[in-house]
Amino acid sequence: MKKSVKLVGLGCANCAAKMEEAIRKLPEVSAVSINFLTTRMTIEAEREKIDGIVAAAQKIVKNYEPDVKIEKA
């Protein structure tokens, strides 16, 4: 299953790349991409694990850019 979210307030392309790399290392994640220009993050994982992965991704995002909010795309 793919889930797309909006990263509101994302202001650093380098941070976005680091976030993407860290989220990719989560064990249940099949694929992840962050588009800095559209501030959209897409995560691919099993349907039953996607909510937990998004929660873990949110913590990773906050580590790099504390002011970024994750909203439904």
PDB file of N, CA and C in Angstrom:
ATOM      1  N   MET A   1       0.841  -1.173   0.000  1.00  0.00           N
ATOM      2  CA  MET A   1       0.000   0.000   0.000  1.00  0.00           C
ATOM      3  C   MET A   1       0.887   1.238   0.000  1.00  0.00           C
ATOM      4  N   LYS A   2       0.467   2.239  -0.757  1.00  0.00           N
ATOM      5  CA  LYS A   2       1.170   3.523  -0.771  1.00  0.00           C
ATOM      6  C   LYS A   2       0.357   4.542   0.006  1.00  0.00           C
ATOM      7  N   LYS A   3       1.059   5.367   0.777  1.00  0.00           N
ATOM      8  CA  LYS A   3       0.402   6.447   1.512  1.00  0.00           C
ATOM      9  C   LYS A   3       1.193   7.718   1.255  1.00  0.00           C
ATOM     10  N   SER A   4       0.494   8.763   0.841  1.00  0.00           N
ATOM     11  CA  SER A   4       1.136  10.055   0.597  1.00  0.00           C
ATOM     12  C   SER A   4       0.673  11.051   1.643  1.00  0.00           C
ATOM     13  N   VAL A   5       1.620  11.837   2.124  1.00  0.00           N
ATOM     14  CA  VAL A   5       1.318  12.890   3.091  1.00  0.00           C
ATOM     15  C   VAL A   5       2.052  14.157   2.663  1.00  0.00           C
ATOM     16  N   LYS A   6       1.594  15.275   3.175  1.00  0.00           N
ATOM     17  CA  LYS A   6       2.194  16.579   2.894  1.00  0.00           C
ATOM     18  C   LYS A   6       3.065  16.965   4.087  1.00  0.00           C
ATOM     19  N   LEU A   7       4.268  17.427   3.819  1.00  0.00           N
ATOM     20  CA  LEU A   7       5.179  17.880   4.868  1.00  0.00           C
ATOM     21  C   LEU A   7       5.127  19.414   4.897  1.00  0.00           C
ATOM     22  N   VAL A   8       4.227  19.933   5.695  1.00  0.00           N
ATOM     23  CA  VAL A   8       3.991  21.379   5.762  1.00  0.00           C
ATOM     24  C   VAL A   8       5.121  22.049   6.543  1.00  0.00           C
ATOM     25  N   GLY A   9       5.783  22.999   5.916  1.00  0.00           N
ATOM     26  CA  GLY A   9       6.852  23.734   6.564  1.00  0.00           C
ATOM     27  C   GLY A   9       8.242  23.192   6.261  1.00  0.00           C
ATOM     28  N   LEU A  10       8.335  22.219   5.369  1.00  0.00           N
ATOM     29  CA  LEU A  10       9.637  21.653   4.993  1.00  0.00           C
ATOM     30  C   LEU A  10      10.453  22.732   4.288  1.00  0.00           C
ATOM     31  N   GLY A  11      11.644  23.021   4.813  1.00  0.00           N
ATOM     32  CA  GLY A  11      12.409  24.124   4.248  1.00  0.00           C
ATOM     33  C   GLY A  11      13.851  23.799   3.911  1.00  0.00           C
ATOM     34  N   CYS A  12      14.228  22.536   3.998  1.00  0.00           N
ATOM     35  CA  CYS A  12      15.628  22.178   3.793  1.00  0.00           C
ATOM     36  C   CYS A  12      15.720  20.916   2.944  1.00  0.00           C
ATOM     37  N   ALA A  13      16.260  21.052   1.738  1.00  0.00           N
ATOM     38  CA  ALA A  13      16.372  19.908   0.825  1.00  0.00           C
ATOM     39  C   ALA A  13      17.327  18.855   1.384  1.00  0.00           C
ATOM     40  N   ASN A  14      18.399  19.286   2.018  1.00  0.00           N
ATOM     41  CA  ASN A  14      19.346  18.350   2.609  1.00  0.00           C
ATOM     42  C   ASN A  14      18.683  17.553   3.737  1.00  0.00           C
ATOM     43  N   CYS A  15      17.895  18.234   4.550  1.00  0.00           N
ATOM     44  CA  CYS A  15      17.169  17.554   5.634  1.00  0.00           C
ATOM     45  C   CYS A  15      16.183  16.546   5.052  1.00  0.00           C
ATOM     46  N   ALA A  16      15.507  16.914   3.974  1.00  0.00           N
ATOM     47  CA  ALA A  16      14.550  16.007   3.332  1.00  0.00           C
ATOM     48  C   ALA A  16      15.250  14.732   2.871  1.00  0.00           C
ATOM     49  N   ALA A  17      16.442  14.872   2.323  1.00  0.00           N
ATOM     50  CA  ALA A  17      17.210  13.703   1.875  1.00  0.00           C
ATOM     51  C   ALA A  17      17.598  12.823   3.064  1.00  0.00           C
ATOM     52  N   LYS A  18      17.988  13.450   4.168  1.00  0.00           N
ATOM     53  CA  LYS A  18      18.343  12.689   5.372  1.00  0.00           C
ATOM     54  C   LYS A  18      17.124  11.989   5.960  1.00  0.00           C
ATOM     55  N   MET A  19      15.975  12.668   5.944  1.00  0.00           N
ATOM     56  CA  MET A  19      14.729  12.061   6.430  1.00  0.00           C
ATOM     57  C   MET A  19      14.400  10.819   5.602  1.00  0.00           C
ATOM     58  N   GLU A  20      14.476  10.984   4.294  1.00  0.00           N
ATOM     59  CA  GLU A  20      14.157   9.882   3.380  1.00  0.00           C
ATOM     60  C   GLU A  20      15.069   8.681   3.650  1.00  0.00           C
ATOM     61  N   GLU A  21      16.351   8.934   3.834  1.00  0.00           N
ATOM     62  CA  GLU A  21      17.304   7.865   4.097  1.00  0.00           C
ATOM     63  C   GLU A  21      16.982   7.149   5.412  1.00  0.00           C
ATOM     64  N   ALA A  22      16.662   7.913   6.458  1.00  0.00           N
ATOM     65  CA  ALA A  22      16.354   7.327   7.764  1.00  0.00           C
ATOM     66  C   ALA A  22      15.052   6.521   7.720  1.00  0.00           C
ATOM     67  N   ILE A  23      14.040   7.040   7.045  1.00  0.00           N
ATOM     68  CA  ILE A  23      12.750   6.340   6.952  1.00  0.00           C
ATOM     69  C   ILE A  23      12.909   5.058   6.142  1.00  0.00           C
ATOM     70  N   ARG A  24      13.729   5.097   5.110  1.00  0.00           N
ATOM     71  CA  ARG A  24      13.974   3.915   4.273  1.00  0.00           C
ATOM     72  C   ARG A  24      14.544   2.765   5.103  1.00  0.00           C
ATOM     73  N   LYS A  25      15.260   3.080   6.176  1.00  0.00           N
ATOM     74  CA  LYS A  25      15.891   2.057   7.024  1.00  0.00           C
ATOM     75  C   LYS A  25      14.899   1.391   7.983  1.00  0.00           C
ATOM     76  N   LEU A  26      13.694   1.937   8.124  1.00  0.00           N
ATOM     77  CA  LEU A  26      12.692   1.285   8.975  1.00  0.00           C
ATOM     78  C   LEU A  26      12.388  -0.092   8.378  1.00  0.00           C
ATOM     79  N   PRO A  27      12.324  -1.139   9.205  1.00  0.00           N
ATOM     80  CA  PRO A  27      12.236  -2.506   8.678  1.00  0.00           C
ATOM     81  C   PRO A  27      11.008  -2.810   7.820  1.00  0.00           C
ATOM     82  N   GLU A  28       9.883  -2.192   8.081  1.00  0.00           N
ATOM     83  CA  GLU A  28       8.658  -2.526   7.343  1.00  0.00           C
ATOM     84  C   GLU A  28       8.482  -1.725   6.053  1.00  0.00           C
ATOM     85  N   VAL A  29       9.349  -0.752   5.807  1.00  0.00           N
ATOM     86  CA  VAL A  29       9.203   0.144   4.651  1.00  0.00           C
ATOM     87  C   VAL A  29       9.743  -0.523   3.391  1.00  0.00           C
ATOM     88  N   SER A  30       8.885  -0.630   2.350  1.00  0.00           N
ATOM     89  CA  SER A  30       9.337  -1.158   1.055  1.00  0.00           C
ATOM     90  C   SER A  30       9.982  -0.054   0.226  1.00  0.00           C
ATOM     91  N   ALA A  31       9.411   1.165   0.300  1.00  0.00           N
ATOM     92  CA  ALA A  31       9.931   2.296  -0.465  1.00  0.00           C
ATOM     93  C   ALA A  31       9.458   3.591   0.181  1.00  0.00           C
ATOM     94  N   VAL A  32      10.250   4.641  -0.001  1.00  0.00           N
ATOM     95  CA  VAL A  32       9.867   5.973   0.476  1.00  0.00           C
ATOM     96  C   VAL A  32      10.486   6.999  -0.455  1.00  0.00           C
ATOM     97  N   SER A  33       9.746   8.073  -0.694  1.00  0.00           N
ATOM     98  CA  SER A  33      10.312   9.185  -1.454  1.00  0.00           C
ATOM     99  C   SER A  33       9.758  10.490  -0.902  1.00  0.00           C
ATOM    100  N   ILE A  34      10.640  11.466  -0.826  1.00  0.00           N
ATOM    101  CA  ILE A  34      10.241  12.813  -0.403  1.00  0.00           C
ATOM    102  C   ILE A  34      10.583  13.744  -1.556  1.00  0.00           C
ATOM    103  N   ASN A  35       9.566  14.433  -2.058  1.00  0.00           N
ATOM    104  CA  ASN A  35       9.761  15.424  -3.105  1.00  0.00           C
ATOM    105  C   ASN A  35       9.813  16.787  -2.423  1.00  0.00           C
ATOM    106  N   PHE A  36      11.001  17.381  -2.402  1.00  0.00           N
ATOM    107  CA  PHE A  36      11.172  18.656  -1.710  1.00  0.00           C
ATOM    108  C   PHE A  36      10.343  19.769  -2.336  1.00  0.00           C
ATOM    109  N   LEU A  37      10.245  19.794  -3.654  1.00  0.00           N
ATOM    110  CA  LEU A  37       9.517  20.875  -4.330  1.00  0.00           C
ATOM    111  C   LEU A  37       8.024  20.849  -4.034  1.00  0.00           C
ATOM    112  N   THR A  38       7.436  19.657  -3.982  1.00  0.00           N
ATOM    113  CA  THR A  38       6.000  19.562  -3.701  1.00  0.00           C
ATOM    114  C   THR A  38       5.728  19.316  -2.220  1.00  0.00           C
ATOM    115  N   THR A  39       6.765  19.112  -1.443  1.00  0.00           N
ATOM    116  CA  THR A  39       6.714  18.777  -0.019  1.00  0.00           C
ATOM    117  C   THR A  39       5.805  17.571   0.252  1.00  0.00           C
ATOM    118  N   ARG A  40       5.864  16.611  -0.640  1.00  0.00           N
ATOM    119  CA  ARG A  40       5.049  15.398  -0.505  1.00  0.00           C
ATOM    120  C   ARG A  40       5.953  14.207  -0.208  1.00  0.00           C
ATOM    121  N   MET A  41       5.530  13.403   0.784  1.00  0.00           N
ATOM    122  CA  MET A  41       6.239  12.175   1.105  1.00  0.00           C
ATOM    123  C   MET A  41       5.322  10.998   0.800  1.00  0.00           C
ATOM    124  N   THR A  42       5.858  10.004   0.103  1.00  0.00           N
ATOM    125  CA  THR A  42       5.109   8.796  -0.216  1.00  0.00           C
ATOM    126  C   THR A  42       5.848   7.614   0.401  1.00  0.00           C
ATOM    127  N   ILE A  43       5.093   6.827   1.179  1.00  0.00           N
ATOM    128  CA  ILE A  43       5.646   5.639   1.832  1.00  0.00           C
ATOM    129  C   ILE A  43       4.906   4.426   1.303  1.00  0.00           C
ATOM    130  N   GLU A  44       5.653   3.378   1.017  1.00  0.00           N
ATOM    131  CA  GLU A  44       5.043   2.126   0.566  1.00  0.00           C
ATOM    132  C   GLU A  44       5.382   1.040   1.581  1.00  0.00           C
ATOM    133  N   ALA A  45       4.326   0.349   2.059  1.00  0.00           N
ATOM    134  CA  ALA A  45       4.484  -0.719   3.046  1.00  0.00           C
ATOM    135  C   ALA A  45       3.210  -1.550   3.076  1.00  0.00           C
ATOM    136  N   GLU A  46       3.219  -2.609   3.895  1.00  0.00           N
ATOM    137  CA  GLU A  46       2.024  -3.433   4.037  1.00  0.00           C
ATOM    138  C   GLU A  46       0.906  -2.615   4.677  1.00  0.00           C
ATOM    139  N   ARG A  47      -0.316  -2.848   4.215  1.00  0.00           N
ATOM    140  CA  ARG A  47      -1.479  -2.077   4.654  1.00  0.00           C
ATOM    141  C   ARG A  47      -1.624  -2.030   6.176  1.00  0.00           C
ATOM    142  N   GLU A  48      -1.476  -3.164   6.838  1.00  0.00           N
ATOM    143  CA  GLU A  48      -1.717  -3.200   8.288  1.00  0.00           C
ATOM    144  C   GLU A  48      -0.611  -2.512   9.100  1.00  0.00           C
ATOM    145  N   LYS A  49       0.509  -2.213   8.489  1.00  0.00           N
ATOM    146  CA  LYS A  49       1.613  -1.576   9.212  1.00  0.00           C
ATOM    147  C   LYS A  49       1.789  -0.104   8.863  1.00  0.00           C
ATOM    148  N   ILE A  50       1.034   0.392   7.903  1.00  0.00           N
ATOM    149  CA  ILE A  50       1.271   1.745   7.384  1.00  0.00           C
ATOM    150  C   ILE A  50       1.085   2.842   8.436  1.00  0.00           C
ATOM    151  N   ASP A  51       0.083   2.711   9.307  1.00  0.00           N
ATOM    152  CA  ASP A  51      -0.146   3.755  10.314  1.00  0.00           C
ATOM    153  C   ASP A  51       1.016   3.846  11.297  1.00  0.00           C
ATOM    154  N   GLY A  52       1.543   2.701  11.711  1.00  0.00           N
ATOM    155  CA  GLY A  52       2.695   2.696  12.608  1.00  0.00           C
ATOM    156  C   GLY A  52       3.930   3.271  11.949  1.00  0.00           C
ATOM    157  N   ILE A  53       4.088   2.988  10.664  1.00  0.00           N
ATOM    158  CA  ILE A  53       5.238   3.510   9.927  1.00  0.00           C
ATOM    159  C   ILE A  53       5.138   5.022   9.783  1.00  0.00           C
ATOM    160  N   VAL A  54       3.946   5.525   9.500  1.00  0.00           N
ATOM    161  CA  VAL A  54       3.764   6.982   9.382  1.00  0.00           C
ATOM    162  C   VAL A  54       4.072   7.659  10.718  1.00  0.00           C
ATOM    163  N   ALA A  55       3.670   7.035  11.820  1.00  0.00           N
ATOM    164  CA  ALA A  55       3.973   7.590  13.149  1.00  0.00           C
ATOM    165  C   ALA A  55       5.484   7.612  13.392  1.00  0.00           C
ATOM    166  N   ALA A  56       6.163   6.533  13.023  1.00  0.00           N
ATOM    167  CA  ALA A  56       7.624   6.482  13.169  1.00  0.00           C
ATOM    168  C   ALA A  56       8.290   7.507  12.256  1.00  0.00           C
ATOM    169  N   ALA A  57       7.766   7.658  11.053  1.00  0.00           N
ATOM    170  CA  ALA A  57       8.304   8.643  10.105  1.00  0.00           C
ATOM    171  C   ALA A  57       8.141  10.058  10.649  1.00  0.00           C
ATOM    172  N   GLN A  58       7.034  10.303  11.313  1.00  0.00           N
ATOM    173  CA  GLN A  58       6.797  11.632  11.874  1.00  0.00           C
ATOM    174  C   GLN A  58       7.863  11.966  12.921  1.00  0.00           C
ATOM    175  N   LYS A  59       8.241  10.994  13.733  1.00  0.00           N
ATOM    176  CA  LYS A  59       9.286  11.226  14.733  1.00  0.00           C
ATOM    177  C   LYS A  59      10.619  11.534  14.052  1.00  0.00           C
ATOM    178  N   ILE A  60      10.911  10.815  12.972  1.00  0.00           N
ATOM    179  CA  ILE A  60      12.152  11.056  12.233  1.00  0.00           C
ATOM    180  C   ILE A  60      12.148  12.463  11.635  1.00  0.00           C
ATOM    181  N   VAL A  61      11.029  12.848  11.033  1.00  0.00           N
ATOM    182  CA  VAL A  61      10.897  14.178  10.435  1.00  0.00           C
ATOM    183  C   VAL A  61      11.125  15.252  11.503  1.00  0.00           C
ATOM    184  N   LYS A  62      10.533  15.078  12.681  1.00  0.00           N
ATOM    185  CA  LYS A  62      10.664  16.058  13.773  1.00  0.00           C
ATOM    186  C   LYS A  62      12.108  16.180  14.253  1.00  0.00           C
ATOM    187  N   ASN A  63      12.882  15.090  14.163  1.00  0.00           N
ATOM    188  CA  ASN A  63      14.287  15.152  14.565  1.00  0.00           C
ATOM    189  C   ASN A  63      15.083  16.096  13.667  1.00  0.00           C
ATOM    190  N   TYR A  64      14.741  16.141  12.393  1.00  0.00           N
ATOM    191  CA  TYR A  64      15.474  16.983  11.443  1.00  0.00           C
ATOM    192  C   TYR A  64      14.892  18.386  11.334  1.00  0.00           C
ATOM    193  N   GLU A  65      13.579  18.483  11.314  1.00  0.00           N
ATOM    194  CA  GLU A  65      12.917  19.789  11.223  1.00  0.00           C
ATOM    195  C   GLU A  65      11.725  19.794  12.177  1.00  0.00           C
ATOM    196  N   PRO A  66      11.946  20.277  13.406  1.00  0.00           N
ATOM    197  CA  PRO A  66      10.909  20.213  14.452  1.00  0.00           C
ATOM    198  C   PRO A  66       9.602  20.922  14.123  1.00  0.00           C
ATOM    199  N   ASP A  67       9.633  21.902  13.218  1.00  0.00           N
ATOM    200  CA  ASP A  67       8.422  22.673  12.921  1.00  0.00           C
ATOM    201  C   ASP A  67       7.566  22.078  11.802  1.00  0.00           C
ATOM    202  N   VAL A  68       8.029  21.010  11.164  1.00  0.00           N
ATOM    203  CA  VAL A  68       7.286  20.410  10.052  1.00  0.00           C
ATOM    204  C   VAL A  68       6.092  19.626  10.591  1.00  0.00           C
ATOM    205  N   LYS A  69       4.959  19.824   9.946  1.00  0.00           N
ATOM    206  CA  LYS A  69       3.738  19.090  10.303  1.00  0.00           C
ATOM    207  C   LYS A  69       3.387  18.140   9.156  1.00  0.00           C
ATOM    208  N   ILE A  70       2.960  16.937   9.522  1.00  0.00           N
ATOM    209  CA  ILE A  70       2.528  15.969   8.520  1.00  0.00           C
ATOM    210  C   ILE A  70       1.016  16.039   8.421  1.00  0.00           C
ATOM    211  N   GLU A  71       0.533  16.301   7.193  1.00  0.00           N
ATOM    212  CA  GLU A  71      -0.911  16.380   6.943  1.00  0.00           C
ATOM    213  C   GLU A  71      -1.284  15.429   5.822  1.00  0.00           C
ATOM    214  N   LYS A  72      -2.559  15.070   5.769  1.00  0.00           N
ATOM    215  CA  LYS A  72      -3.030  14.225   4.668  1.00  0.00           C
ATOM    216  C   LYS A  72      -2.845  14.962   3.355  1.00  0.00           C
ATOM    217  N   ALA A  73      -2.403  14.208   2.356  1.00  0.00           N
ATOM    218  CA  ALA A  73      -2.158  14.814   1.045  1.00  0.00           C
ATOM    219  C   ALA A  73      -3.453  14.972   0.264  1.00  0.00           C
TER     220      ALA A  73
END
